[in-house]
Amino acid sequence: MLGRAIAVTFLIPVFGMLWGTAFLAEPITAHMIAGGIVILLGTALATGILHFGARRAAPGGR
């Protein structure tokens, strides 16, 4: 549970980009979008929303 609460801080740059665009009319570049996607995917992996390379348990509990 604590890991999920801490992982939310990874989203600060994404929200900073959105607030900068909304209130300061800052442009969003392709690099910013790519970085935001990496941040969102990393956060999803850290919180367990996405499972990359997870192995499934064999039938019979082995």
PDB file of N, CA and C in Angstrom:
ATOM      1  N   MET A   1       0.821  -1.186   0.000  1.00  0.00           N
ATOM      2  CA  MET A   1       0.000   0.000   0.000  1.00  0.00           C
ATOM      3  C   MET A   1       0.864   1.248   0.000  1.00  0.00           C
ATOM      4  N   LEU A   2       1.928   1.258   0.810  1.00  0.00           N
ATOM      5  CA  LEU A   2       2.806   2.416   0.885  1.00  0.00           C
ATOM      6  C   LEU A   2       3.512   2.652  -0.447  1.00  0.00           C
ATOM      7  N   GLY A   3       3.852   1.571  -1.150  1.00  0.00           N
ATOM      8  CA  GLY A   3       4.495   1.694  -2.452  1.00  0.00           C
ATOM      9  C   GLY A   3       3.636   2.434  -3.451  1.00  0.00           C
ATOM     10  N   ARG A   4       2.350   2.182  -3.416  1.00  0.00           N
ATOM     11  CA  ARG A   4       1.441   2.902  -4.318  1.00  0.00           C
ATOM     12  C   ARG A   4       1.348   4.374  -3.955  1.00  0.00           C
ATOM     13  N   ALA A   5       1.333   4.679  -2.686  1.00  0.00           N
ATOM     14  CA  ALA A   5       1.245   6.077  -2.264  1.00  0.00           C
ATOM     15  C   ALA A   5       2.500   6.842  -2.669  1.00  0.00           C
ATOM     16  N   ILE A   6       3.656   6.208  -2.557  1.00  0.00           N
ATOM     17  CA  ILE A   6       4.905   6.858  -2.939  1.00  0.00           C
ATOM     18  C   ILE A   6       5.000   7.006  -4.453  1.00  0.00           C
ATOM     19  N   ALA A   7       4.506   6.039  -5.208  1.00  0.00           N
ATOM     20  CA  ALA A   7       4.604   6.063  -6.667  1.00  0.00           C
ATOM     21  C   ALA A   7       3.813   7.214  -7.281  1.00  0.00           C
ATOM     22  N   VAL A   8       2.853   7.737  -6.571  1.00  0.00           N
ATOM     23  CA  VAL A   8       2.065   8.856  -7.093  1.00  0.00           C
ATOM     24  C   VAL A   8       2.953  10.080  -7.320  1.00  0.00           C
ATOM     25  N   THR A   9       4.039  10.205  -6.572  1.00  0.00           N
ATOM     26  CA  THR A   9       4.938  11.347  -6.754  1.00  0.00           C
ATOM     27  C   THR A   9       5.634  11.310  -8.113  1.00  0.00           C
ATOM     28  N   PHE A  10       5.666  10.158  -8.767  1.00  0.00           N
ATOM     29  CA  PHE A  10       6.239  10.074 -10.111  1.00  0.00           C
ATOM     30  C   PHE A  10       5.431  10.902 -11.109  1.00  0.00           C
ATOM     31  N   LEU A  11       4.177  11.166 -10.800  1.00  0.00           N
ATOM     32  CA  LEU A  11       3.294  11.875 -11.724  1.00  0.00           C
ATOM     33  C   LEU A  11       3.453  13.387 -11.678  1.00  0.00           C
ATOM     34  N   ILE A  12       4.243  13.912 -10.771  1.00  0.00           N
ATOM     35  CA  ILE A  12       4.400  15.363 -10.634  1.00  0.00           C
ATOM     36  C   ILE A  12       4.865  16.017 -11.944  1.00  0.00           C
ATOM     37  N   PRO A  13       5.859  15.474 -12.663  1.00  0.00           N
ATOM     38  CA  PRO A  13       6.256  16.127 -13.918  1.00  0.00           C
ATOM     39  C   PRO A  13       5.144  16.169 -14.969  1.00  0.00           C
ATOM     40  N   VAL A  14       4.328  15.126 -15.026  1.00  0.00           N
ATOM     41  CA  VAL A  14       3.230  15.103 -15.998  1.00  0.00           C
ATOM     42  C   VAL A  14       2.222  16.200 -15.675  1.00  0.00           C
ATOM     43  N   PHE A  15       1.854  16.321 -14.411  1.00  0.00           N
ATOM     44  CA  PHE A  15       0.913  17.371 -14.039  1.00  0.00           C
ATOM     45  C   PHE A  15       1.531  18.761 -14.178  1.00  0.00           C
ATOM     46  N   GLY A  16       2.831  18.885 -13.940  1.00  0.00           N
ATOM     47  CA  GLY A  16       3.503  20.161 -14.153  1.00  0.00           C
ATOM     48  C   GLY A  16       3.436  20.589 -15.608  1.00  0.00           C
ATOM     49  N   MET A  17       3.598  19.635 -16.504  1.00  0.00           N
ATOM     50  CA  MET A  17       3.488  19.915 -17.934  1.00  0.00           C
ATOM     51  C   MET A  17       2.069  20.372 -18.288  1.00  0.00           C
ATOM     52  N   LEU A  18       1.081  19.680 -17.747  1.00  0.00           N
ATOM     53  CA  LEU A  18      -0.319  20.034 -18.041  1.00  0.00           C
ATOM     54  C   LEU A  18      -0.681  21.402 -17.469  1.00  0.00           C
ATOM     55  N   TRP A  19      -0.264  21.686 -16.231  1.00  0.00           N
ATOM     56  CA  TRP A  19      -0.579  22.980 -15.628  1.00  0.00           C
ATOM     57  C   TRP A  19       0.158  24.106 -16.353  1.00  0.00           C
ATOM     58  N   GLY A  20       1.389  23.855 -16.786  1.00  0.00           N
ATOM     59  CA  GLY A  20       2.127  24.867 -17.538  1.00  0.00           C
ATOM     60  C   GLY A  20       1.455  25.207 -18.846  1.00  0.00           C
ATOM     61  N   THR A  21       0.883  24.204 -19.487  1.00  0.00           N
ATOM     62  CA  THR A  21       0.165  24.439 -20.731  1.00  0.00           C
ATOM     63  C   THR A  21      -1.152  25.168 -20.473  1.00  0.00           C
ATOM     64  N   ALA A  22      -1.851  24.771 -19.434  1.00  0.00           N
ATOM     65  CA  ALA A  22      -3.165  25.349 -19.158  1.00  0.00           C
ATOM     66  C   ALA A  22      -3.081  26.797 -18.678  1.00  0.00           C
ATOM     67  N   PHE A  23      -2.133  27.102 -17.796  1.00  0.00           N
ATOM     68  CA  PHE A  23      -2.110  28.418 -17.178  1.00  0.00           C
ATOM     69  C   PHE A  23      -1.055  29.369 -17.744  1.00  0.00           C
ATOM     70  N   LEU A  24       0.015  28.834 -18.327  1.00  0.00           N
ATOM     71  CA  LEU A  24       1.099  29.685 -18.809  1.00  0.00           C
ATOM     72  C   LEU A  24       1.270  29.639 -20.326  1.00  0.00           C
ATOM     73  N   ALA A  25       0.404  28.898 -20.999  1.00  0.00           N
ATOM     74  CA  ALA A  25       0.421  28.762 -22.462  1.00  0.00           C
ATOM     75  C   ALA A  25       1.767  28.236 -22.961  1.00  0.00           C
ATOM     76  N   GLU A  26       2.394  27.345 -22.203  1.00  0.00           N
ATOM     77  CA  GLU A  26       3.648  26.736 -22.625  1.00  0.00           C
ATOM     78  C   GLU A  26       3.352  25.652 -23.657  1.00  0.00           C
ATOM     79  N   PRO A  27       4.187  25.535 -24.676  1.00  0.00           N
ATOM     80  CA  PRO A  27       3.947  24.514 -25.703  1.00  0.00           C
ATOM     81  C   PRO A  27       4.318  23.114 -25.192  1.00  0.00           C
ATOM     82  N   ILE A  28       3.630  22.115 -25.696  1.00  0.00           N
ATOM     83  CA  ILE A  28       3.959  20.720 -25.405  1.00  0.00           C
ATOM     84  C   ILE A  28       4.658  20.155 -26.628  1.00  0.00           C
ATOM     85  N   THR A  29       5.853  19.621 -26.435  1.00  0.00           N
ATOM     86  CA  THR A  29       6.635  19.070 -27.541  1.00  0.00           C
ATOM     87  C   THR A  29       6.498  17.548 -27.578  1.00  0.00           C
ATOM     88  N   ALA A  30       6.976  16.983 -28.672  1.00  0.00           N
ATOM     89  CA  ALA A  30       6.928  15.522 -28.812  1.00  0.00           C
ATOM     90  C   ALA A  30       7.782  14.842 -27.738  1.00  0.00           C
ATOM     91  N   HIS A  31       8.891  15.463 -27.363  1.00  0.00           N
ATOM     92  CA  HIS A  31       9.736  14.886 -26.316  1.00  0.00           C
ATOM     93  C   HIS A  31       9.023  14.885 -24.963  1.00  0.00           C
ATOM     94  N   MET A  32       8.257  15.909 -24.706  1.00  0.00           N
ATOM     95  CA  MET A  32       7.506  15.969 -23.450  1.00  0.00           C
ATOM     96  C   MET A  32       6.435  14.887 -23.407  1.00  0.00           C
ATOM     97  N   ILE A  33       5.772  14.672 -24.526  1.00  0.00           N
ATOM     98  CA  ILE A  33       4.749  13.620 -24.589  1.00  0.00           C
ATOM     99  C   ILE A  33       5.391  12.246 -24.401  1.00  0.00           C
ATOM    100  N   ALA A  34       6.529  12.019 -25.065  1.00  0.00           N
ATOM    101  CA  ALA A  34       7.228  10.734 -24.920  1.00  0.00           C
ATOM    102  C   ALA A  34       7.666  10.525 -23.473  1.00  0.00           C
ATOM    103  N   GLY A  35       8.190  11.559 -22.840  1.00  0.00           N
ATOM    104  CA  GLY A  35       8.585  11.452 -21.436  1.00  0.00           C
ATOM    105  C   GLY A  35       7.401  11.185 -20.531  1.00  0.00           C
ATOM    106  N   GLY A  36       6.267  11.822 -20.822  1.00  0.00           N
ATOM    107  CA  GLY A  36       5.058  11.588 -20.036  1.00  0.00           C
ATOM    108  C   GLY A  36       4.566  10.154 -20.145  1.00  0.00           C
ATOM    109  N   ILE A  37       4.675   9.601 -21.350  1.00  0.00           N
ATOM    110  CA  ILE A  37       4.266   8.206 -21.547  1.00  0.00           C
ATOM    111  C   ILE A  37       5.175   7.266 -20.758  1.00  0.00           C
ATOM    112  N   VAL A  38       6.477   7.543 -20.780  1.00  0.00           N
ATOM    113  CA  VAL A  38       7.419   6.717 -20.011  1.00  0.00           C
ATOM    114  C   VAL A  38       7.098   6.801 -18.524  1.00  0.00           C
ATOM    115  N   ILE A  39       6.802   8.001 -18.042  1.00  0.00           N
ATOM    116  CA  ILE A  39       6.467   8.181 -16.625  1.00  0.00           C
ATOM    117  C   ILE A  39       5.190   7.422 -16.269  1.00  0.00           C
ATOM    118  N   LEU A  40       4.163   7.525 -17.117  1.00  0.00           N
ATOM    119  CA  LEU A  40       2.903   6.825 -16.841  1.00  0.00           C
ATOM    120  C   LEU A  40       3.087   5.314 -16.858  1.00  0.00           C
ATOM    121  N   LEU A  41       3.847   4.800 -17.815  1.00  0.00           N
ATOM    122  CA  LEU A  41       4.093   3.355 -17.859  1.00  0.00           C
ATOM    123  C   LEU A  41       4.917   2.896 -16.653  1.00  0.00           C
ATOM    124  N   GLY A  42       5.917   3.672 -16.273  1.00  0.00           N
ATOM    125  CA  GLY A  42       6.716   3.320 -15.096  1.00  0.00           C
ATOM    126  C   GLY A  42       5.896   3.322 -13.824  1.00  0.00           C
ATOM    127  N   THR A  43       5.014   4.294 -13.700  1.00  0.00           N
ATOM    128  CA  THR A  43       4.139   4.355 -12.529  1.00  0.00           C
ATOM    129  C   THR A  43       3.177   3.170 -12.507  1.00  0.00           C
ATOM    130  N   ALA A  44       2.650   2.822 -13.685  1.00  0.00           N
ATOM    131  CA  ALA A  44       1.744   1.670 -13.760  1.00  0.00           C
ATOM    132  C   ALA A  44       2.470   0.377 -13.386  1.00  0.00           C
ATOM    133  N   LEU A  45       3.714   0.243 -13.800  1.00  0.00           N
ATOM    134  CA  LEU A  45       4.487  -0.946 -13.424  1.00  0.00           C
ATOM    135  C   LEU A  45       4.804  -0.952 -11.934  1.00  0.00           C
ATOM    136  N   ALA A  46       5.153   0.203 -11.391  1.00  0.00           N
ATOM    137  CA  ALA A  46       5.517   0.287  -9.973  1.00  0.00           C
ATOM    138  C   ALA A  46       4.332   0.019  -9.056  1.00  0.00           C
ATOM    139  N   THR A  47       3.141   0.400  -9.478  1.00  0.00           N
ATOM    140  CA  THR A  47       1.960   0.197  -8.638  1.00  0.00           C
ATOM    141  C   THR A  47       1.302  -1.159  -8.862  1.00  0.00           C
ATOM    142  N   GLY A  48       1.724  -1.884  -9.882  1.00  0.00           N
ATOM    143  CA  GLY A  48       1.158  -3.200 -10.135  1.00  0.00           C
ATOM    144  C   GLY A  48      -0.035  -3.188 -11.065  1.00  0.00           C
ATOM    145  N   ILE A  49      -0.327  -2.051 -11.676  1.00  0.00           N
ATOM    146  CA  ILE A  49      -1.442  -2.003 -12.631  1.00  0.00           C
ATOM    147  C   ILE A  49      -1.086  -2.803 -13.879  1.00  0.00           C
ATOM    148  N   LEU A  50       0.170  -2.664 -14.327  1.00  0.00           N
ATOM    149  CA  LEU A  50       0.680  -3.454 -15.447  1.00  0.00           C
ATOM    150  C   LEU A  50       1.643  -4.493 -14.911  1.00  0.00           C
ATOM    151  N   HIS A  51       1.636  -5.659 -15.509  1.00  0.00           N
ATOM    152  CA  HIS A  51       2.544  -6.738 -15.120  1.00  0.00           C
ATOM    153  C   HIS A  51       3.389  -7.087 -16.327  1.00  0.00           C
ATOM    154  N   PHE A  52       4.637  -6.681 -16.323  1.00  0.00           N
ATOM    155  CA  PHE A  52       5.539  -6.945 -17.437  1.00  0.00           C
ATOM    156  C   PHE A  52       6.432  -8.120 -17.092  1.00  0.00           C
ATOM    157  N   GLY A  53       6.311  -9.172 -17.868  1.00  0.00           N
ATOM    158  CA  GLY A  53       7.166 -10.326 -17.671  1.00  0.00           C
ATOM    159  C   GLY A  53       6.850 -11.147 -16.435  1.00  0.00           C
ATOM    160  N   ALA A  54       5.674 -10.989 -15.892  1.00  0.00           N
ATOM    161  CA  ALA A  54       5.311 -11.758 -14.704  1.00  0.00           C
ATOM    162  C   ALA A  54       5.037 -13.207 -15.107  1.00  0.00           C
ATOM    163  N   ARG A  55       5.552 -14.102 -14.319  1.00  0.00           N
ATOM    164  CA  ARG A  55       5.328 -15.517 -14.584  1.00  0.00           C
ATOM    165  C   ARG A  55       4.097 -15.989 -13.840  1.00  0.00           C
ATOM    166  N   ARG A  56       3.362 -16.829 -14.495  1.00  0.00           N
ATOM    167  CA  ARG A  56       2.173 -17.398 -13.856  1.00  0.00           C
ATOM    168  C   ARG A  56       2.558 -18.678 -13.139  1.00  0.00           C
ATOM    169  N   ALA A  57       1.868 -18.942 -12.064  1.00  0.00           N
ATOM    170  CA  ALA A  57       2.131 -20.157 -11.305  1.00  0.00           C
ATOM    171  C   ALA A  57       1.682 -21.364 -12.124  1.00  0.00           C
ATOM    172  N   ALA A  58       2.484 -22.401 -12.037  1.00  0.00           N
ATOM    173  CA  ALA A  58       2.161 -23.630 -12.748  1.00  0.00           C
ATOM    174  C   ALA A  58       0.960 -24.304 -12.083  1.00  0.00           C
ATOM    175  N   PRO A  59       0.178 -25.028 -12.859  1.00  0.00           N
ATOM    176  CA  PRO A  59      -0.948 -25.763 -12.238  1.00  0.00           C
ATOM    177  C   PRO A  59      -0.435 -26.728 -11.178  1.00  0.00           C
ATOM    178  N   GLY A  60      -1.105 -26.776 -10.089  1.00  0.00           N
ATOM    179  CA  GLY A  60      -0.711 -27.651  -9.005  1.00  0.00           C
ATOM    180  C   GLY A  60       0.132 -26.927  -7.963  1.00  0.00           C
ATOM    181  N   GLY A  61       0.334 -25.616  -8.130  1.00  0.00           N
ATOM    182  CA  GLY A  61       1.031 -24.849  -7.133  1.00  0.00           C
ATOM    183  C   GLY A  61       2.544 -24.896  -7.203  1.00  0.00           C
ATOM    184  N   ARG A  62       3.092 -25.303  -8.325  1.00  0.00           N
ATOM    185  CA  ARG A  62       4.556 -25.382  -8.440  1.00  0.00           C
ATOM    186  C   ARG A  62       5.111 -24.186  -9.136  1.00  0.00           C
TER     187      ARG A  62
END
